[in-house]
Amino acid sequence: MIEVYKKWPEIAKNSFESCNKISEIKNIEHIIFAGMGGSGAIGDVFEAILSKTDIHVSVIKGYLLPKTVNEKTLIIITSVSGNTVETLKVLEKSQESKARVLTFASGGKCEEFCMKNGLEFFNIKKIHSPRASFVSFLFSMLKILQLTIPLKIKDVDEAINELKKLKSMISSDNLTHTNLALKLAENITKIPVIYYPHGLEAATIRFKNSLQENAKMHVITEDVVEASHNGIVAWEKLSNAIPILIQGKDDYEKTKERWSILKEYFNSKNIQFDEVFVKSNSILSKIVYLIYFLDFVSIYTAILTNSDPTPVESIDYIKKRL
């Protein structure tokens, strides 16, 4: 898995540049991204990218479409395996609607259904596993959808360059004290409680999922503003947990104030916490940077806790029972 992650900058670049298919869809007011697990994380990223636009975005992680689907809706189906049962059900429902439908998968039942029903299908190669295929799918989809969503090519270039620079610092070629991803993994000896601002939710949810799948551990996520009204109370008792604060250099000024107060509170209670910062770039660059960094943290955490990050036996158990 580590060898695949070390190739992420190259995979991202090749996926964007080698994809020649571009889909231009006009008069869209609502985009729905449907997918589960690693595929669902891609929908979260697109939701973040589109958060500053007038396009209404829904991310579906389940079986059902919202009632608001109409002829001005674009439904984007993503399943790395092509066989995700929940996503297949949404695809079937999408075919019955008036919406435009695009499907991205590495083949499987999704491709069979699209070919049979005349739906647009884009075959993207799976690399190792759904979670490790993240950049292959994301950057291929960014290229294909560049005329549908307001995408700036300079933002894509910036994201790829950030991946390249980050790789030299956090990959397994640098197992020194300067590797901040390894350092954070060494500190995750308790249940992580991850605090985040709303704009970085996509990267945080991905971090939770990666720690769960790779390191086989329980994880809690908390929006820092909402947590100030409820979750913070849990720290009034001794806890087998460690706070991790995911922060952007350009977070909203009131959010920065909240971070300062939260750190002051933790220090007053002698609660050890870790911090992760991302600099002021485009939202695409920030999210991709964080996901790359935090996925490496999850892999290092797996190794340090004697867990093989690749097998996911419990997921396989549930899939076989469905």
Protein backbone atom coordinates (compact mmCIF):
# COMPACT_ATOMS: atom_id res chain seq x y z
CA MET A 1 0.00 0.00 0.00
CA ILE A 2 2.82 2.41 0.83
CA GLU A 3 4.35 1.90 -2.61
CA VAL A 4 1.05 2.91 -4.23
CA TYR A 5 0.79 6.01 -2.05
CA LYS A 6 4.32 7.05 -2.98
CA LYS A 7 3.10 7.19 -6.59
CA TRP A 8 0.07 9.40 -5.85
CA PRO A 9 1.57 12.61 -7.37
CA GLU A 10 2.42 10.73 -10.56
CA ILE A 11 -0.96 8.97 -10.65
CA ALA A 12 -2.80 12.27 -10.15
CA LYS A 13 -0.88 13.97 -12.96
CA ASN A 14 -1.26 11.07 -15.39
CA SER A 15 -4.96 10.62 -14.58
CA PHE A 16 -5.73 14.26 -15.38
CA GLU A 17 -3.51 14.57 -18.46
CA SER A 18 -4.26 11.20 -20.09
CA CYS A 19 -8.05 11.44 -19.80
CA ASN A 20 -9.38 12.63 -23.17
CA LYS A 21 -13.09 12.38 -22.43
CA ILE A 22 -14.81 15.60 -21.42
CA SER A 23 -18.51 15.78 -20.64
CA GLU A 24 -20.21 19.17 -20.97
CA ILE A 25 -23.59 19.30 -19.26
CA LYS A 26 -25.47 22.61 -19.18
CA ASN A 27 -28.46 24.00 -17.27
CA ILE A 28 -27.70 22.02 -14.11
CA GLU A 29 -28.93 23.38 -10.78
CA HIS A 30 -28.43 20.32 -8.60
CA ILE A 31 -25.60 17.75 -8.60
CA ILE A 32 -25.89 14.52 -6.64
CA PHE A 33 -22.78 12.46 -5.86
CA ALA A 34 -23.55 8.87 -4.90
CA GLY A 35 -20.93 6.52 -3.51
CA MET A 36 -19.80 4.62 -0.42
CA GLY A 37 -16.49 4.44 1.46
CA GLY A 38 -13.52 5.53 -0.65
CA SER A 39 -15.88 6.32 -3.52
CA GLY A 40 -18.07 8.41 -1.24
CA ALA A 41 -15.03 10.45 -0.18
CA ILE A 42 -14.77 11.69 -3.77
CA GLY A 43 -18.29 13.10 -3.51
CA ASP A 44 -17.30 14.87 -0.29
CA VAL A 45 -14.38 16.53 -2.09
CA PHE A 46 -16.56 17.72 -4.97
CA GLU A 47 -19.07 19.09 -2.46
CA ALA A 48 -16.26 21.14 -0.91
CA ILE A 49 -15.07 22.36 -4.32
CA LEU A 50 -18.59 23.44 -5.27
CA SER A 51 -19.41 25.00 -1.89
CA LYS A 52 -18.72 28.52 -3.17
CA THR A 53 -20.97 28.19 -6.22
CA ASP A 54 -24.71 28.51 -6.78
CA ILE A 55 -25.01 24.80 -7.59
CA HIS A 56 -26.90 22.78 -4.99
CA VAL A 57 -24.89 19.66 -4.08
CA SER A 58 -26.05 16.48 -2.32
CA VAL A 59 -23.82 13.57 -1.31
CA ILE A 60 -25.71 10.28 -1.06
CA LYS A 61 -24.20 7.47 1.00
CA GLY A 62 -27.00 4.98 0.95
CA TYR A 63 -29.80 3.62 -1.22
CA LEU A 64 -32.20 6.52 -1.86
CA LEU A 65 -32.30 9.64 -4.02
CA PRO A 66 -33.76 12.90 -2.69
CA LYS A 67 -37.27 13.86 -3.80
CA THR A 68 -35.94 17.03 -5.48
CA VAL A 69 -34.46 15.20 -8.51
CA ASN A 70 -35.65 16.67 -11.83
CA GLU A 71 -34.48 17.41 -15.38
CA LYS A 72 -31.98 20.01 -14.05
CA THR A 73 -30.29 17.43 -11.81
CA LEU A 74 -27.01 15.70 -12.61
CA ILE A 75 -26.47 12.39 -10.78
CA ILE A 76 -22.86 11.23 -10.57
CA ILE A 77 -22.43 7.60 -9.58
CA THR A 78 -19.01 6.53 -8.28
CA SER A 79 -18.03 2.97 -7.39
CA VAL A 80 -14.37 2.03 -7.64
CA SER A 81 -15.21 -1.67 -7.66
CA GLY A 82 -18.30 -1.20 -9.81
CA ASN A 83 -20.20 -3.61 -7.56
CA THR A 84 -21.22 -1.56 -4.51
CA VAL A 85 -24.78 -2.65 -3.69
CA GLU A 86 -25.99 0.69 -2.32
CA THR A 87 -24.59 2.62 -5.28
CA LEU A 88 -26.06 0.14 -7.75
CA LYS A 89 -29.49 0.72 -6.21
CA VAL A 90 -29.07 4.51 -6.64
CA LEU A 91 -27.99 3.92 -10.25
CA GLU A 92 -31.15 1.92 -10.89
CA LYS A 93 -33.30 4.67 -9.36
CA SER A 94 -31.41 7.31 -11.36
CA GLN A 95 -32.21 5.56 -14.61
CA GLU A 96 -35.91 5.89 -13.78
CA SER A 97 -35.64 9.65 -13.14
CA LYS A 98 -35.52 12.64 -15.51
CA ALA A 99 -31.98 13.51 -14.38
CA ARG A 100 -28.79 13.27 -16.42
CA VAL A 101 -26.64 10.37 -15.15
CA LEU A 102 -22.87 9.81 -15.33
CA THR A 103 -21.21 6.73 -13.86
CA PHE A 104 -17.55 6.26 -12.91
CA ALA A 105 -16.28 2.77 -12.03
CA SER A 106 -13.60 0.23 -12.88
CA GLY A 107 -16.17 -2.04 -14.51
CA GLY A 108 -18.36 -4.55 -12.70
CA LYS A 109 -22.14 -4.46 -12.46
CA CYS A 110 -22.21 -0.67 -12.85
CA GLU A 111 -20.72 -0.95 -16.33
CA GLU A 112 -23.09 -3.79 -17.24
CA PHE A 113 -26.12 -1.76 -16.14
CA CYS A 114 -25.01 1.36 -18.03
CA MET A 115 -24.29 -0.54 -21.23
CA LYS A 116 -27.66 -2.26 -21.05
CA ASN A 117 -29.59 0.97 -20.43
CA GLY A 118 -27.64 3.39 -22.63
CA LEU A 119 -26.21 5.47 -19.76
CA GLU A 120 -22.90 7.33 -19.95
CA PHE A 121 -20.14 5.26 -18.37
CA PHE A 122 -16.50 6.12 -17.71
CA ASN A 123 -14.09 3.28 -16.96
CA ILE A 124 -11.36 4.31 -14.53
CA LYS A 125 -8.68 1.89 -13.40
CA LYS A 126 -8.74 0.63 -9.83
CA ILE A 127 -5.33 0.83 -8.17
CA HIS A 128 -4.81 -1.57 -5.24
CA SER A 129 -8.04 -0.73 -3.35
CA PRO A 130 -10.87 1.83 -3.42
CA ARG A 131 -9.16 4.09 -0.86
CA ALA A 132 -5.78 3.90 -2.61
CA SER A 133 -7.49 4.67 -5.95
CA PHE A 134 -8.64 8.06 -4.66
CA VAL A 135 -6.41 10.29 -6.83
CA SER A 136 -6.90 8.14 -9.92
CA PHE A 137 -10.66 8.63 -9.74
CA LEU A 138 -10.65 12.20 -8.45
CA PHE A 139 -8.32 13.65 -11.09
CA SER A 140 -9.92 11.68 -13.93
CA MET A 141 -13.32 12.99 -12.85
CA LEU A 142 -11.98 16.55 -12.51
CA LYS A 143 -10.85 16.36 -16.14
CA ILE A 144 -14.10 14.85 -17.41
CA LEU A 145 -16.26 17.31 -15.46
CA GLN A 146 -14.15 20.44 -16.01
CA LEU A 147 -16.75 22.07 -18.29
CA THR A 148 -19.62 21.16 -15.96
CA ILE A 149 -18.14 22.50 -12.74
CA PRO A 150 -16.27 25.83 -12.42
CA LEU A 151 -12.79 24.31 -12.31
CA LYS A 152 -9.60 26.34 -12.69
CA ILE A 153 -6.75 24.36 -14.27
CA LYS A 154 -4.28 26.30 -12.12
CA ASP A 155 -5.97 24.80 -9.05
CA VAL A 156 -5.38 21.30 -10.43
CA ASP A 157 -1.73 22.11 -11.14
CA GLU A 158 -1.35 23.55 -7.66
CA ALA A 159 -2.85 20.43 -6.05
CA ILE A 160 -0.51 18.11 -7.99
CA ASN A 161 2.54 20.25 -7.11
CA GLU A 162 1.57 20.19 -3.44
CA LEU A 163 1.38 16.38 -3.60
CA LYS A 164 4.89 16.25 -5.08
CA LYS A 165 6.35 18.48 -2.38
CA LEU A 166 4.54 16.65 0.41
CA LYS A 167 5.68 13.23 -0.79
CA SER A 168 9.35 14.03 -0.11
CA MET A 169 8.50 14.93 3.49
CA ILE A 170 6.06 12.18 4.52
CA SER A 171 6.76 9.08 2.43
CA SER A 172 8.57 6.04 3.80
CA ASP A 173 11.76 7.29 2.12
CA ASN A 174 11.98 9.74 5.04
CA LEU A 175 11.71 7.83 8.30
CA THR A 176 13.25 10.63 10.38
CA HIS A 177 12.02 13.12 12.99
CA THR A 178 11.19 15.52 10.11
CA ASN A 179 8.38 13.24 8.91
CA LEU A 180 5.36 14.91 10.52
CA ALA A 181 2.96 12.17 9.36
CA LEU A 182 5.03 9.54 11.17
CA LYS A 183 5.32 11.78 14.22
CA LEU A 184 1.53 12.18 14.44
CA ALA A 185 1.03 8.43 14.00
CA GLU A 186 3.41 7.77 16.91
CA ASN A 187 1.19 9.98 19.10
CA ILE A 188 -2.06 8.17 18.25
CA THR A 189 -1.98 5.77 21.16
CA LYS A 190 -5.57 6.51 22.24
CA ILE A 191 -8.91 6.93 20.46
CA PRO A 192 -8.55 9.97 18.16
CA VAL A 193 -11.14 12.73 18.52
CA ILE A 194 -10.67 14.80 15.37
CA TYR A 195 -11.83 18.43 15.41
CA TYR A 196 -12.28 20.29 12.12
CA PRO A 197 -13.80 23.42 10.57
CA HIS A 198 -16.73 22.83 8.21
CA GLY A 199 -14.68 23.63 5.09
CA LEU A 200 -12.27 20.78 5.81
CA GLU A 201 -14.93 18.18 6.63
CA ALA A 202 -14.17 16.12 3.49
CA ALA A 203 -10.55 15.54 4.54
CA THR A 204 -11.56 14.80 8.13
CA ILE A 205 -14.16 12.18 7.21
CA ARG A 206 -11.62 10.60 4.89
CA PHE A 207 -9.07 10.52 7.77
CA LYS A 208 -11.63 8.81 10.00
CA ASN A 209 -12.38 6.22 7.33
CA SER A 210 -8.70 5.59 6.61
CA LEU A 211 -7.82 5.10 10.28
CA GLN A 212 -10.76 2.71 10.62
CA GLU A 213 -9.88 0.67 7.52
CA ASN A 214 -6.08 0.78 7.74
CA ALA A 215 -5.41 0.83 11.49
CA LYS A 216 -8.63 -0.97 12.54
CA MET A 217 -9.39 1.53 15.29
CA HIS A 218 -12.35 3.53 16.60
CA VAL A 219 -12.38 7.23 15.64
CA ILE A 220 -14.57 10.21 16.60
CA THR A 221 -15.00 13.36 14.48
CA GLU A 222 -16.34 16.70 15.74
CA ASP A 223 -17.10 19.99 13.96
CA VAL A 224 -15.18 22.44 16.15
CA VAL A 225 -18.02 24.96 16.32
CA GLU A 226 -20.77 22.43 17.04
CA ALA A 227 -18.53 20.60 19.54
CA SER A 228 -18.30 23.80 21.58
CA HIS A 229 -22.02 23.36 22.32
CA ASN A 230 -21.90 19.67 23.31
CA GLY A 231 -18.87 17.45 22.64
CA ILE A 232 -16.44 19.53 24.69
CA VAL A 233 -18.25 18.45 27.87
CA ALA A 234 -16.90 14.90 27.49
CA TRP A 235 -13.43 16.16 28.44
CA GLU A 236 -14.63 16.97 31.96
CA LYS A 237 -13.90 13.32 32.79
CA LEU A 238 -10.70 11.35 32.31
CA SER A 239 -10.78 9.87 28.82
CA ASN A 240 -8.95 7.26 26.77
CA ALA A 241 -8.90 9.66 23.84
CA ILE A 242 -6.61 12.22 22.22
CA PRO A 243 -7.74 15.40 20.42
CA ILE A 244 -6.39 16.12 16.93
CA LEU A 245 -7.07 19.62 15.59
CA ILE A 246 -7.28 19.98 11.78
CA GLN A 247 -6.82 23.67 10.97
CA GLY A 248 -6.59 25.87 7.89
CA LYS A 249 -4.32 28.91 7.85
CA ASP A 250 -7.23 30.89 6.38
CA ASP A 251 -10.02 29.58 8.59
CA TYR A 252 -12.86 32.04 9.30
CA GLU A 253 -11.80 34.57 11.95
CA LYS A 254 -14.37 33.35 14.48
CA THR A 255 -13.23 29.77 13.90
CA LYS A 256 -9.64 30.84 14.63
CA GLU A 257 -10.90 32.37 17.86
CA ARG A 258 -12.59 29.05 18.66
CA TRP A 259 -9.34 27.14 18.06
CA SER A 260 -7.50 29.46 20.44
CA ILE A 261 -10.07 28.97 23.20
CA LEU A 262 -10.15 25.20 22.70
CA LYS A 263 -6.37 24.93 23.00
CA GLU A 264 -6.47 27.12 26.12
CA TYR A 265 -9.08 24.77 27.60
CA PHE A 266 -7.08 21.63 26.79
CA ASN A 267 -3.94 23.15 28.32
CA SER A 268 -5.86 24.10 31.47
CA LYS A 269 -6.95 20.47 31.82
CA ASN A 270 -3.48 19.07 30.97
CA ILE A 271 -4.97 17.28 27.96
CA GLN A 272 -2.36 16.47 25.32
CA PHE A 273 -3.46 17.35 21.78
CA ASP A 274 -2.00 17.31 18.28
CA GLU A 275 -2.40 19.87 15.50
CA VAL A 276 -2.40 19.61 11.71
CA PHE A 277 -2.21 22.77 9.60
CA VAL A 278 -2.86 23.35 5.91
CA LYS A 279 -1.80 26.56 4.20
CA SER A 280 -3.91 29.02 2.22
CA ASN A 281 -4.38 27.45 -1.21
CA SER A 282 -7.41 26.59 -3.32
CA ILE A 283 -9.96 24.34 -1.64
CA LEU A 284 -8.99 21.49 -4.00
CA SER A 285 -5.33 21.81 -3.07
CA LYS A 286 -6.07 22.00 0.66
CA ILE A 287 -8.32 18.94 0.66
CA VAL A 288 -5.97 16.82 -1.50
CA TYR A 289 -2.96 17.88 0.60
CA LEU A 290 -4.70 16.91 3.83
CA ILE A 291 -5.96 13.58 2.50
CA TYR A 292 -2.47 12.62 1.30
CA PHE A 293 -0.89 13.60 4.62
CA LEU A 294 -3.55 11.98 6.79
CA ASP A 295 -3.74 8.78 4.74
CA PHE A 296 -0.01 8.31 5.34
CA VAL A 297 -0.68 8.91 9.05
CA SER A 298 -3.26 6.11 8.97
CA ILE A 299 -0.84 3.70 7.30
CA TYR A 300 1.94 4.49 9.77
CA THR A 301 -0.54 4.07 12.62
CA ALA A 302 -1.45 0.64 11.24
CA ILE A 303 2.19 -0.41 11.10
CA LEU A 304 2.94 0.89 14.60
CA THR A 305 -0.04 -1.03 16.00
CA ASN A 306 0.83 -4.24 14.12
CA SER A 307 -2.14 -4.05 11.74
CA ASP A 308 -1.98 -4.93 8.05
CA PRO A 309 -3.68 -1.92 6.38
CA THR A 310 -4.83 -3.82 3.29
CA PRO A 311 -7.34 -6.52 4.45
CA VAL A 312 -10.80 -5.39 5.57
CA GLU A 313 -12.30 -8.69 6.71
CA SER A 314 -15.31 -7.21 8.52
CA ILE A 315 -16.35 -5.24 5.42
CA ASP A 316 -16.01 -8.40 3.33
CA TYR A 317 -18.15 -10.24 5.89
CA ILE A 318 -20.99 -7.72 5.61
CA LYS A 319 -20.82 -7.60 1.80
CA LYS A 320 -21.14 -11.37 1.58
CA ARG A 321 -24.26 -11.26 3.78
CA LEU A 322 -26.06 -8.62 1.72
